[in-house]
Amino acid sequence: MYSVRQAQKKTAQSSRTAETEERTRDRVLRGVLTLGPVSAANLGEELNLTPAAVRRHLDALEEDGLIVVAPIKAHGAGAGRPARRYVIAPQGHSKIGNDYLDIARSALTMLQQQVGDDALRLFASSRAAEMEAKYRPAVEAAGEDVAARAQALAQAMTKDGFVATANEMKPAGNSRLPQHLLASIQLCQGHCPVRDLAEDFHVFCDEETEIISSLLGVDVRRLSTMSAGAHVCTTHIPLARDLGSSPEHTEQK
């Protein structure tokens, strides 16, 4: 007969399997967050998962609304079906962690209504100043080179959960301008702890852009923000322009 002990053993095995699947699914979700836009094949290689396993978890995460497919055509590719690349969805950001969001939104709304926009900006500015003070030692230690400082900033921000990267963008070979005048860095943030708040209070993005500029010592420009619907926040950092030598910072909304 099928014993109680056998039933308990089977239940325990099923529970362990479910826990393993959940942990793996969380790894896949965080992999999309860190690497996105990323293909199933590349994600499987990074996480050491079989193609069948990674696709199973991607399908489940997509069905739950935690990730979305961002059709991106490979550079230089002709007509045809775009490659499938996965990025984190707003609900995925929330699952990874935006604690006390409702409380924070209510408090900031009350602050803005009762005291005014200046008080809200002062609050955002104070938060940005704390970030700048925290990151400055690491950035200063990288020396005067803007690219090195950007890499140091990306690493420091990643430790705070921003999942940041700094990639150098070089001009095409047929450019008429000297390469050093066109080269730039794109600082990309795959996650933002205050993304949902920034949707309602853009001042957080404004102040964050200001401290990036201050830390790197150059004028920067925000190309995209998650609060405006992009899957990453992207900041353009020129490698041959001093702070104050060009128009004021601008940000895409």
Protein backbone atom coordinates (compact mmCIF):
# COMPACT_ATOMS: atom_id res chain seq x y z
CA MET A 1 0.00 0.00 0.00
CA TYR A 2 0.96 3.58 -0.55
CA SER A 3 2.21 4.56 2.92
CA VAL A 4 1.90 7.87 4.74
CA ARG A 5 5.70 8.11 4.79
CA GLN A 6 5.86 7.80 1.02
CA ALA A 7 3.23 10.51 0.65
CA GLN A 8 5.17 12.79 2.99
CA LYS A 9 8.38 12.12 1.09
CA LYS A 10 6.71 12.92 -2.21
CA THR A 11 5.24 16.13 -0.78
CA ALA A 12 8.67 17.19 0.53
CA GLN A 13 10.28 16.50 -2.83
CA SER A 14 7.60 18.53 -4.61
CA SER A 15 8.12 21.40 -2.18
CA ARG A 16 11.89 21.39 -2.75
CA THR A 17 11.35 21.32 -6.51
CA ALA A 18 8.97 24.28 -6.30
CA GLU A 19 11.45 26.24 -4.16
CA THR A 20 14.26 25.52 -6.63
CA GLU A 21 12.08 26.63 -9.54
CA GLU A 22 11.19 29.85 -7.69
CA ARG A 23 14.84 30.64 -6.94
CA THR A 24 15.80 29.98 -10.55
CA ARG A 25 12.95 32.18 -11.77
CA ASP A 26 14.18 34.99 -9.52
CA ARG A 27 17.67 34.55 -11.01
CA VAL A 28 16.23 34.82 -14.50
CA LEU A 29 14.26 37.96 -13.54
CA ARG A 30 17.35 39.61 -12.09
CA GLY A 31 19.34 38.49 -15.12
CA VAL A 32 16.91 40.30 -17.41
CA LEU A 33 17.16 43.34 -15.15
CA THR A 34 20.95 43.35 -15.27
CA LEU A 35 21.53 42.35 -18.90
CA GLY A 36 18.39 43.52 -20.70
CA PRO A 37 17.70 43.85 -23.53
CA VAL A 38 18.93 40.25 -23.61
CA SER A 39 18.11 37.20 -25.71
CA ALA A 40 17.13 33.85 -24.25
CA ALA A 41 20.33 32.30 -25.59
CA ASN A 42 22.62 34.90 -24.03
CA LEU A 43 20.73 34.81 -20.76
CA GLY A 44 21.00 31.03 -20.61
CA GLU A 45 24.76 31.25 -21.14
CA GLU A 46 25.17 33.86 -18.41
CA LEU A 47 23.09 31.92 -15.89
CA ASN A 48 24.32 28.46 -16.95
CA LEU A 49 20.79 27.28 -17.76
CA THR A 50 19.68 25.00 -20.56
CA PRO A 51 17.76 26.60 -23.45
CA ALA A 52 14.61 24.76 -22.41
CA ALA A 53 14.91 25.90 -18.79
CA VAL A 54 15.56 29.56 -19.56
CA ARG A 55 12.71 29.72 -22.06
CA ARG A 56 10.33 28.09 -19.57
CA HIS A 57 11.12 30.72 -16.97
CA LEU A 58 11.04 33.57 -19.47
CA ASP A 59 7.62 32.47 -20.67
CA ALA A 60 6.34 32.33 -17.09
CA LEU A 61 7.76 35.75 -16.23
CA GLU A 62 6.31 37.25 -19.40
CA GLU A 63 2.91 35.71 -18.64
CA ASP A 64 3.05 37.24 -15.15
CA GLY A 65 3.81 40.65 -16.65
CA LEU A 66 7.23 40.90 -15.00
CA ILE A 67 9.20 41.09 -18.26
CA VAL A 68 8.34 42.17 -21.80
CA VAL A 69 9.77 41.53 -25.23
CA ALA A 70 11.42 44.55 -26.82
CA PRO A 71 11.78 43.89 -30.58
CA ILE A 72 15.24 45.07 -31.54
CA LYS A 73 16.65 44.56 -35.00
CA ALA A 74 20.31 43.60 -35.00
CA HIS A 75 22.65 46.34 -36.23
CA GLY A 76 23.22 46.06 -39.95
CA ALA A 77 20.55 43.41 -40.39
CA GLY A 78 18.22 43.54 -43.33
CA ALA A 79 14.48 43.06 -43.43
CA GLY A 80 13.06 40.21 -41.44
CA ARG A 81 11.75 39.24 -38.07
CA PRO A 82 13.33 41.32 -35.27
CA ALA A 83 15.37 39.52 -32.66
CA ARG A 84 13.54 38.86 -29.37
CA ARG A 85 15.16 40.72 -26.53
CA TYR A 86 13.72 40.74 -23.02
CA VAL A 87 13.62 43.73 -20.66
CA ILE A 88 12.18 44.23 -17.21
CA ALA A 89 8.59 45.47 -17.00
CA PRO A 90 7.33 48.04 -14.47
CA GLN A 91 5.71 45.26 -12.47
CA GLY A 92 9.06 43.47 -12.43
CA HIS A 93 10.72 46.50 -10.86
CA SER A 94 8.02 46.50 -8.19
CA LYS A 95 8.59 42.82 -7.44
CA ILE A 96 12.33 43.34 -7.06
CA GLY A 97 11.72 46.03 -4.51
CA ASN A 98 10.07 49.41 -4.20
CA ASP A 99 9.18 49.22 -0.49
CA TYR A 100 6.75 51.63 1.11
CA LEU A 101 5.96 53.17 -2.28
CA ASP A 102 2.39 54.16 -1.44
CA ILE A 103 3.44 55.76 1.83
CA ALA A 104 6.25 57.69 0.16
CA ARG A 105 4.01 58.89 -2.68
CA SER A 106 1.35 60.08 -0.23
CA ALA A 107 3.93 61.88 1.91
CA LEU A 108 5.49 63.67 -1.07
CA THR A 109 2.09 64.63 -2.44
CA MET A 110 1.14 66.14 0.91
CA LEU A 111 4.48 67.95 1.11
CA GLN A 112 3.93 69.44 -2.35
CA GLN A 113 0.33 70.43 -1.65
CA GLN A 114 0.86 71.84 1.84
CA VAL A 115 4.26 73.53 1.43
CA GLY A 116 4.83 73.85 -2.30
CA ASP A 117 7.09 72.81 -5.16
CA ASP A 118 10.15 74.40 -3.56
CA ALA A 119 9.86 72.08 -0.58
CA LEU A 120 9.62 69.07 -2.88
CA ARG A 121 12.70 70.17 -4.81
CA LEU A 122 14.56 70.77 -1.53
CA PHE A 123 13.74 67.22 -0.45
CA ALA A 124 14.92 65.75 -3.78
CA SER A 125 18.02 67.95 -3.70
CA SER A 126 18.88 66.75 -0.20
CA ARG A 127 18.60 63.13 -1.31
CA ALA A 128 20.79 63.84 -4.34
CA ALA A 129 23.38 65.58 -2.16
CA GLU A 130 23.62 62.47 0.02
CA MET A 131 24.15 60.34 -3.09
CA GLU A 132 26.84 62.68 -4.37
CA ALA A 133 28.70 62.68 -1.06
CA LYS A 134 28.55 58.88 -0.97
CA TYR A 135 29.83 58.37 -4.52
CA ARG A 136 32.41 61.16 -4.70
CA PRO A 137 35.28 59.34 -2.93
CA ALA A 138 35.11 56.44 -5.41
CA VAL A 139 34.82 58.78 -8.39
CA GLU A 140 37.68 61.02 -7.23
CA ALA A 141 39.87 57.97 -6.67
CA ALA A 142 39.50 57.14 -10.38
CA GLY A 143 41.50 60.25 -11.34
CA GLU A 144 40.74 62.98 -13.87
CA ASP A 145 39.84 60.78 -16.86
CA VAL A 146 36.11 61.13 -17.51
CA ALA A 147 35.73 57.56 -18.78
CA ALA A 148 37.40 56.14 -15.66
CA ARG A 149 35.25 58.34 -13.43
CA ALA A 150 32.11 57.17 -15.23
CA GLN A 151 33.09 53.53 -14.70
CA ALA A 152 33.71 54.21 -11.01
CA LEU A 153 30.34 55.94 -10.70
CA ALA A 154 28.56 53.04 -12.41
CA GLN A 155 30.13 50.58 -10.00
CA ALA A 156 29.19 52.69 -7.00
CA MET A 157 25.60 53.08 -8.20
CA THR A 158 25.32 49.35 -8.85
CA LYS A 159 26.13 48.68 -5.20
CA ASP A 160 23.07 50.78 -4.37
CA GLY A 161 20.82 48.73 -6.66
CA PHE A 162 20.86 50.89 -9.79
CA VAL A 163 22.40 48.10 -11.94
CA ALA A 164 24.48 50.68 -13.79
CA THR A 165 26.94 50.30 -16.68
CA ALA A 166 29.17 52.79 -18.46
CA ASN A 167 29.87 51.99 -22.11
CA GLU A 168 32.06 54.05 -24.41
CA MET A 169 30.41 55.05 -27.69
CA LYS A 170 32.82 55.65 -30.56
CA PRO A 171 31.93 57.43 -33.82
CA ALA A 172 31.81 55.68 -37.17
CA GLY A 173 35.04 55.64 -39.16
CA ASN A 174 33.71 57.96 -41.88
CA SER A 175 33.01 60.82 -39.47
CA ARG A 176 34.43 64.19 -40.59
CA LEU A 177 35.14 65.33 -37.04
CA PRO A 178 38.11 64.13 -34.97
CA GLN A 179 37.26 61.00 -33.02
CA HIS A 180 38.15 62.54 -29.66
CA LEU A 181 35.51 65.24 -30.18
CA LEU A 182 32.72 62.73 -30.76
CA ALA A 183 33.56 59.91 -28.36
CA SER A 184 31.22 59.65 -25.41
CA ILE A 185 30.04 57.41 -22.59
CA GLN A 186 26.52 56.17 -22.06
CA LEU A 187 25.73 55.62 -18.41
CA CYS A 188 22.80 53.19 -18.27
CA GLN A 189 20.79 52.36 -15.16
CA GLY A 190 18.78 49.16 -15.40
CA HIS A 191 16.93 49.71 -12.14
CA CYS A 192 15.92 52.72 -10.09
CA PRO A 193 14.77 52.42 -6.47
CA VAL A 194 12.55 55.52 -6.91
CA ARG A 195 11.32 54.88 -10.46
CA ASP A 196 7.64 54.86 -9.52
CA LEU A 197 8.01 58.04 -7.47
CA ALA A 198 9.88 59.73 -10.31
CA GLU A 199 6.91 59.08 -12.60
CA ASP A 200 4.94 61.56 -10.48
CA PHE A 201 7.82 63.72 -9.28
CA HIS A 202 10.28 64.32 -12.12
CA VAL A 203 12.44 66.45 -9.84
CA PHE A 204 14.16 63.25 -8.68
CA CYS A 205 15.42 62.67 -12.23
CA ASP A 206 16.48 66.31 -12.56
CA GLU A 207 18.50 66.25 -9.36
CA GLU A 208 20.10 62.89 -10.19
CA THR A 209 21.22 64.26 -13.56
CA GLU A 210 22.79 67.22 -11.80
CA ILE A 211 24.87 65.08 -9.46
CA ILE A 212 26.09 62.89 -12.35
CA SER A 213 27.29 66.05 -14.06
CA SER A 214 28.91 67.35 -10.89
CA LEU A 215 30.67 64.09 -10.10
CA LEU A 216 32.08 63.67 -13.61
CA GLY A 217 32.96 67.31 -14.16
CA VAL A 218 31.27 67.55 -17.57
CA ASP A 219 27.92 68.65 -18.92
CA VAL A 220 25.67 65.60 -19.40
CA ARG A 221 22.34 64.96 -21.08
CA ARG A 222 19.63 62.50 -20.18
CA LEU A 223 18.58 60.56 -23.29
CA SER A 224 15.90 58.44 -21.63
CA THR A 225 14.39 57.71 -18.25
CA MET A 226 12.37 54.83 -16.86
CA SER A 227 9.97 57.35 -15.36
CA ALA A 228 9.13 58.40 -18.93
CA GLY A 229 8.56 54.83 -20.10
CA ALA A 230 12.03 53.67 -21.23
CA HIS A 231 13.39 50.33 -20.02
CA VAL A 232 16.61 52.00 -18.81
CA CYS A 233 17.76 55.46 -17.78
CA THR A 234 20.47 56.56 -20.21
CA THR A 235 22.79 59.52 -19.66
CA HIS A 236 25.02 60.84 -22.45
CA ILE A 237 28.47 61.81 -21.17
CA PRO A 238 30.80 63.61 -23.65
CA LEU A 239 34.50 62.90 -23.33
CA ALA A 240 35.72 66.22 -24.78
CA ARG A 241 33.53 68.90 -23.24
CA ASP A 242 34.06 70.74 -19.97
CA LEU A 243 31.26 71.51 -17.54
CA GLY A 244 29.63 74.81 -18.41
CA SER A 245 30.89 74.99 -21.99
CA SER A 246 27.55 73.95 -23.48
CA PRO A 247 23.83 74.50 -22.90
CA GLU A 248 22.22 73.54 -19.65
CA HIS A 249 21.38 69.93 -18.86
CA THR A 250 18.32 68.63 -20.62
CA GLU A 251 16.28 65.54 -19.98
CA GLN A 252 13.87 63.61 -22.16
CA LYS A 253 10.46 63.35 -20.55
